[in-house]
Amino acid sequence: MANGWAPDGAVQDQIDDTVTDGVLRARAHLPTGDGGTHCLECGDEIPAARRAALPGVRTCVTCQSALDRRPVNIGFNRRGSKDSQLR
């Protein structure tokens, strides 16, 4: 049930858009191209199994885990916001 000026299903559409944006952002950050045999962060060798599983990988598991723990400012989806349509 929509409220105010929003059409039926508007909330679900906004949720779907947020999920789609997240998936596209994650895909854009996947490694591509030729990967290295040694980690760019620590210099340790990247195991062959990791290189085979993730073509283009440039970091070892330990360093990638540390990079993934860093906070990321993603923002929020303003497509469904009435304020964003008025600006």
N, C-alpha and C. Protein backbone atom coordinates (compact mmCIF):
# COMPACT_ATOMS: atom_id res chain seq x y z
N MET A 1 0.84 -1.17 0.00
CA MET A 1 0.00 0.00 0.00
C MET A 1 0.89 1.24 0.00
N ALA A 2 0.66 2.12 -0.93
CA ALA A 2 1.46 3.33 -1.05
C ALA A 2 0.86 4.44 -0.20
N ASN A 3 1.71 5.37 0.19
CA ASN A 3 1.27 6.52 0.98
C ASN A 3 1.49 7.79 0.18
N GLY A 4 0.60 8.75 0.37
CA GLY A 4 0.78 10.05 -0.27
C GLY A 4 0.73 9.95 -1.79
N TRP A 5 1.74 10.52 -2.44
CA TRP A 5 1.77 10.57 -3.90
C TRP A 5 2.41 9.34 -4.53
N ALA A 6 2.96 8.47 -3.72
CA ALA A 6 3.66 7.31 -4.24
C ALA A 6 2.69 6.29 -4.81
N PRO A 7 3.02 5.71 -5.97
CA PRO A 7 2.15 4.68 -6.53
C PRO A 7 2.29 3.37 -5.75
N ASP A 8 1.35 2.46 -5.97
CA ASP A 8 1.45 1.15 -5.34
C ASP A 8 2.75 0.47 -5.76
N GLY A 9 3.42 -0.14 -4.80
CA GLY A 9 4.67 -0.84 -5.09
C GLY A 9 5.90 0.04 -5.10
N ALA A 10 5.75 1.32 -4.76
CA ALA A 10 6.88 2.25 -4.82
C ALA A 10 7.97 1.88 -3.81
N VAL A 11 7.57 1.41 -2.64
CA VAL A 11 8.55 1.04 -1.62
C VAL A 11 9.38 -0.15 -2.11
N GLN A 12 8.71 -1.15 -2.67
CA GLN A 12 9.42 -2.31 -3.18
C GLN A 12 10.32 -1.92 -4.35
N ASP A 13 9.86 -1.01 -5.21
CA ASP A 13 10.70 -0.55 -6.32
C ASP A 13 11.97 0.11 -5.80
N GLN A 14 11.86 0.90 -4.74
CA GLN A 14 13.04 1.56 -4.17
C GLN A 14 13.99 0.53 -3.56
N ILE A 15 13.44 -0.48 -2.89
CA ILE A 15 14.28 -1.54 -2.33
C ILE A 15 14.98 -2.29 -3.45
N ASP A 16 14.25 -2.63 -4.50
CA ASP A 16 14.85 -3.33 -5.65
C ASP A 16 15.96 -2.50 -6.29
N ASP A 17 15.75 -1.20 -6.44
CA ASP A 17 16.77 -0.32 -7.01
C ASP A 17 18.02 -0.27 -6.13
N THR A 18 17.83 -0.24 -4.82
CA THR A 18 18.97 -0.22 -3.90
C THR A 18 19.78 -1.50 -4.01
N VAL A 19 19.09 -2.64 -4.07
CA VAL A 19 19.78 -3.93 -4.21
C VAL A 19 20.51 -4.00 -5.55
N THR A 20 19.86 -3.58 -6.63
CA THR A 20 20.49 -3.59 -7.95
C THR A 20 21.73 -2.71 -7.97
N ASP A 21 21.64 -1.52 -7.37
CA ASP A 21 22.80 -0.63 -7.30
C ASP A 21 23.95 -1.29 -6.54
N GLY A 22 23.63 -1.97 -5.46
CA GLY A 22 24.67 -2.66 -4.68
C GLY A 22 25.34 -3.77 -5.47
N VAL A 23 24.57 -4.53 -6.21
CA VAL A 23 25.13 -5.61 -7.03
C VAL A 23 26.02 -5.04 -8.13
N LEU A 24 25.55 -3.98 -8.79
CA LEU A 24 26.36 -3.37 -9.85
C LEU A 24 27.65 -2.77 -9.30
N ARG A 25 27.58 -2.16 -8.10
CA ARG A 25 28.77 -1.60 -7.47
C ARG A 25 29.77 -2.71 -7.13
N ALA A 26 29.27 -3.83 -6.62
CA ALA A 26 30.15 -4.95 -6.28
C ALA A 26 30.80 -5.54 -7.53
N ARG A 27 30.02 -5.69 -8.59
CA ARG A 27 30.57 -6.23 -9.83
C ARG A 27 31.62 -5.30 -10.42
N ALA A 28 31.44 -4.00 -10.27
CA ALA A 28 32.40 -3.03 -10.80
C ALA A 28 33.74 -3.10 -10.07
N HIS A 29 33.73 -3.59 -8.83
CA HIS A 29 34.96 -3.67 -8.06
C HIS A 29 35.65 -5.03 -8.14
N LEU A 30 35.10 -5.95 -8.92
CA LEU A 30 35.75 -7.25 -9.09
C LEU A 30 37.03 -7.06 -9.91
N PRO A 31 38.08 -7.80 -9.56
CA PRO A 31 39.32 -7.66 -10.32
C PRO A 31 39.16 -8.16 -11.75
N THR A 32 39.86 -7.51 -12.66
CA THR A 32 39.84 -7.92 -14.05
C THR A 32 41.26 -7.88 -14.59
N GLY A 33 41.46 -8.45 -15.74
CA GLY A 33 42.78 -8.41 -16.38
C GLY A 33 43.73 -9.44 -15.79
N ASP A 34 45.00 -9.19 -16.03
CA ASP A 34 46.03 -10.11 -15.53
C ASP A 34 46.26 -9.88 -14.05
N GLY A 35 46.22 -10.94 -13.30
CA GLY A 35 46.51 -10.85 -11.88
C GLY A 35 48.00 -11.06 -11.64
N GLY A 36 48.39 -10.86 -10.42
CA GLY A 36 49.79 -11.05 -10.08
C GLY A 36 50.00 -12.36 -9.36
N THR A 37 51.25 -12.73 -9.23
CA THR A 37 51.57 -13.94 -8.46
C THR A 37 51.89 -13.57 -7.02
N HIS A 38 52.13 -12.28 -6.78
CA HIS A 38 52.45 -11.82 -5.43
C HIS A 38 51.52 -10.67 -5.04
N CYS A 39 51.17 -10.61 -3.78
CA CYS A 39 50.25 -9.62 -3.25
C CYS A 39 50.84 -8.21 -3.37
N LEU A 40 50.01 -7.27 -3.80
CA LEU A 40 50.45 -5.88 -3.91
C LEU A 40 50.63 -5.22 -2.54
N GLU A 41 49.94 -5.72 -1.53
CA GLU A 41 50.00 -5.12 -0.20
C GLU A 41 51.20 -5.62 0.61
N CYS A 42 51.38 -6.94 0.68
CA CYS A 42 52.41 -7.50 1.57
C CYS A 42 53.56 -8.17 0.82
N GLY A 43 53.36 -8.49 -0.44
CA GLY A 43 54.42 -9.13 -1.22
C GLY A 43 54.46 -10.64 -1.14
N ASP A 44 53.61 -11.25 -0.31
CA ASP A 44 53.55 -12.70 -0.22
C ASP A 44 52.97 -13.29 -1.50
N GLU A 45 53.30 -14.54 -1.75
CA GLU A 45 52.78 -15.20 -2.95
C GLU A 45 51.28 -15.47 -2.80
N ILE A 46 50.53 -15.23 -3.87
CA ILE A 46 49.10 -15.52 -3.90
C ILE A 46 48.95 -16.98 -4.32
N PRO A 47 48.26 -17.79 -3.53
CA PRO A 47 48.11 -19.21 -3.87
C PRO A 47 47.47 -19.40 -5.25
N ALA A 48 47.92 -20.46 -5.93
CA ALA A 48 47.43 -20.75 -7.28
C ALA A 48 45.91 -20.98 -7.30
N ALA A 49 45.38 -21.58 -6.24
CA ALA A 49 43.94 -21.82 -6.17
C ALA A 49 43.16 -20.50 -6.14
N ARG A 50 43.69 -19.52 -5.44
CA ARG A 50 43.02 -18.20 -5.38
C ARG A 50 43.10 -17.51 -6.75
N ARG A 51 44.25 -17.62 -7.40
CA ARG A 51 44.40 -17.01 -8.73
C ARG A 51 43.47 -17.67 -9.73
N ALA A 52 43.26 -18.98 -9.60
CA ALA A 52 42.36 -19.69 -10.52
C ALA A 52 40.90 -19.33 -10.24
N ALA A 53 40.56 -19.15 -8.95
CA ALA A 53 39.18 -18.85 -8.59
C ALA A 53 38.80 -17.41 -8.92
N LEU A 54 39.76 -16.50 -8.82
CA LEU A 54 39.51 -15.08 -9.07
C LEU A 54 40.52 -14.53 -10.07
N PRO A 55 40.25 -14.70 -11.36
CA PRO A 55 41.19 -14.15 -12.34
C PRO A 55 41.35 -12.64 -12.15
N GLY A 56 42.59 -12.19 -12.17
CA GLY A 56 42.86 -10.77 -11.99
C GLY A 56 43.10 -10.36 -10.55
N VAL A 57 43.08 -11.33 -9.63
CA VAL A 57 43.27 -11.01 -8.22
C VAL A 57 44.67 -10.43 -8.00
N ARG A 58 44.74 -9.43 -7.10
CA ARG A 58 46.02 -8.76 -6.88
C ARG A 58 46.45 -8.75 -5.41
N THR A 59 45.63 -9.33 -4.54
CA THR A 59 45.96 -9.37 -3.12
C THR A 59 45.74 -10.76 -2.56
N CYS A 60 46.48 -11.08 -1.49
CA CYS A 60 46.29 -12.37 -0.82
C CYS A 60 45.03 -12.30 0.04
N VAL A 61 44.61 -13.42 0.56
CA VAL A 61 43.38 -13.49 1.34
C VAL A 61 43.47 -12.60 2.59
N THR A 62 44.59 -12.64 3.27
CA THR A 62 44.76 -11.86 4.50
C THR A 62 44.63 -10.36 4.22
N CYS A 63 45.34 -9.89 3.21
CA CYS A 63 45.29 -8.46 2.89
C CYS A 63 43.93 -8.05 2.36
N GLN A 64 43.30 -8.90 1.56
CA GLN A 64 41.97 -8.57 1.04
C GLN A 64 40.96 -8.51 2.17
N SER A 65 41.09 -9.39 3.16
CA SER A 65 40.20 -9.35 4.32
C SER A 65 40.35 -8.04 5.07
N ALA A 66 41.59 -7.58 5.22
CA ALA A 66 41.83 -6.30 5.90
C ALA A 66 41.24 -5.14 5.09
N LEU A 67 41.37 -5.20 3.77
CA LEU A 67 40.81 -4.15 2.92
C LEU A 67 39.28 -4.14 2.99
N ASP A 68 38.69 -5.32 3.06
CA ASP A 68 37.23 -5.43 3.11
C ASP A 68 36.65 -4.93 4.43
N ARG A 69 37.45 -4.92 5.50
CA ARG A 69 36.97 -4.46 6.80
C ARG A 69 36.95 -2.94 6.91
N ARG A 70 37.60 -2.24 6.00
CA ARG A 70 37.61 -0.78 6.05
C ARG A 70 36.21 -0.24 5.79
N PRO A 71 35.82 0.83 6.48
CA PRO A 71 34.49 1.39 6.25
C PRO A 71 34.37 1.98 4.85
N VAL A 72 33.18 1.81 4.28
CA VAL A 72 32.91 2.32 2.94
C VAL A 72 31.68 3.20 3.02
N ASN A 73 31.77 4.39 2.46
CA ASN A 73 30.62 5.28 2.42
C ASN A 73 29.87 5.05 1.10
N ILE A 74 28.73 4.39 1.19
CA ILE A 74 27.98 4.04 -0.01
C ILE A 74 26.92 5.10 -0.32
N GLY A 75 26.39 5.73 0.69
CA GLY A 75 25.32 6.69 0.47
C GLY A 75 23.97 6.00 0.52
N PHE A 76 22.98 6.60 -0.11
CA PHE A 76 21.67 5.98 -0.11
C PHE A 76 20.98 6.28 -1.43
N ASN A 77 19.96 5.52 -1.70
CA ASN A 77 19.22 5.62 -2.96
C ASN A 77 18.25 6.79 -2.89
N ARG A 78 18.46 7.79 -3.74
CA ARG A 78 17.57 8.94 -3.75
C ARG A 78 16.59 8.90 -4.92
N ARG A 79 16.60 7.83 -5.70
CA ARG A 79 15.71 7.78 -6.86
C ARG A 79 14.24 7.88 -6.48
N GLY A 80 13.87 7.28 -5.35
CA GLY A 80 12.48 7.27 -4.94
C GLY A 80 12.11 8.44 -4.04
N SER A 81 13.06 9.31 -3.72
CA SER A 81 12.80 10.41 -2.82
C SER A 81 12.15 11.58 -3.56
N LYS A 82 11.08 12.09 -3.00
CA LYS A 82 10.41 13.25 -3.61
C LYS A 82 11.33 14.46 -3.58
N ASP A 83 12.16 14.60 -2.54
CA ASP A 83 13.07 15.74 -2.46
C ASP A 83 14.03 15.76 -3.63
N SER A 84 14.53 14.60 -4.02
CA SER A 84 15.50 14.57 -5.11
C SER A 84 14.85 14.92 -6.45
N GLN A 85 13.57 14.71 -6.58
CA GLN A 85 12.87 15.04 -7.82
C GLN A 85 12.55 16.53 -7.91
N LEU A 86 12.57 17.21 -6.78
CA LEU A 86 12.27 18.64 -6.77
C LEU A 86 13.51 19.48 -7.06
N ARG A 87 14.70 18.90 -6.90
CA ARG A 87 15.95 19.67 -7.07
C ARG A 87 16.38 19.73 -8.48
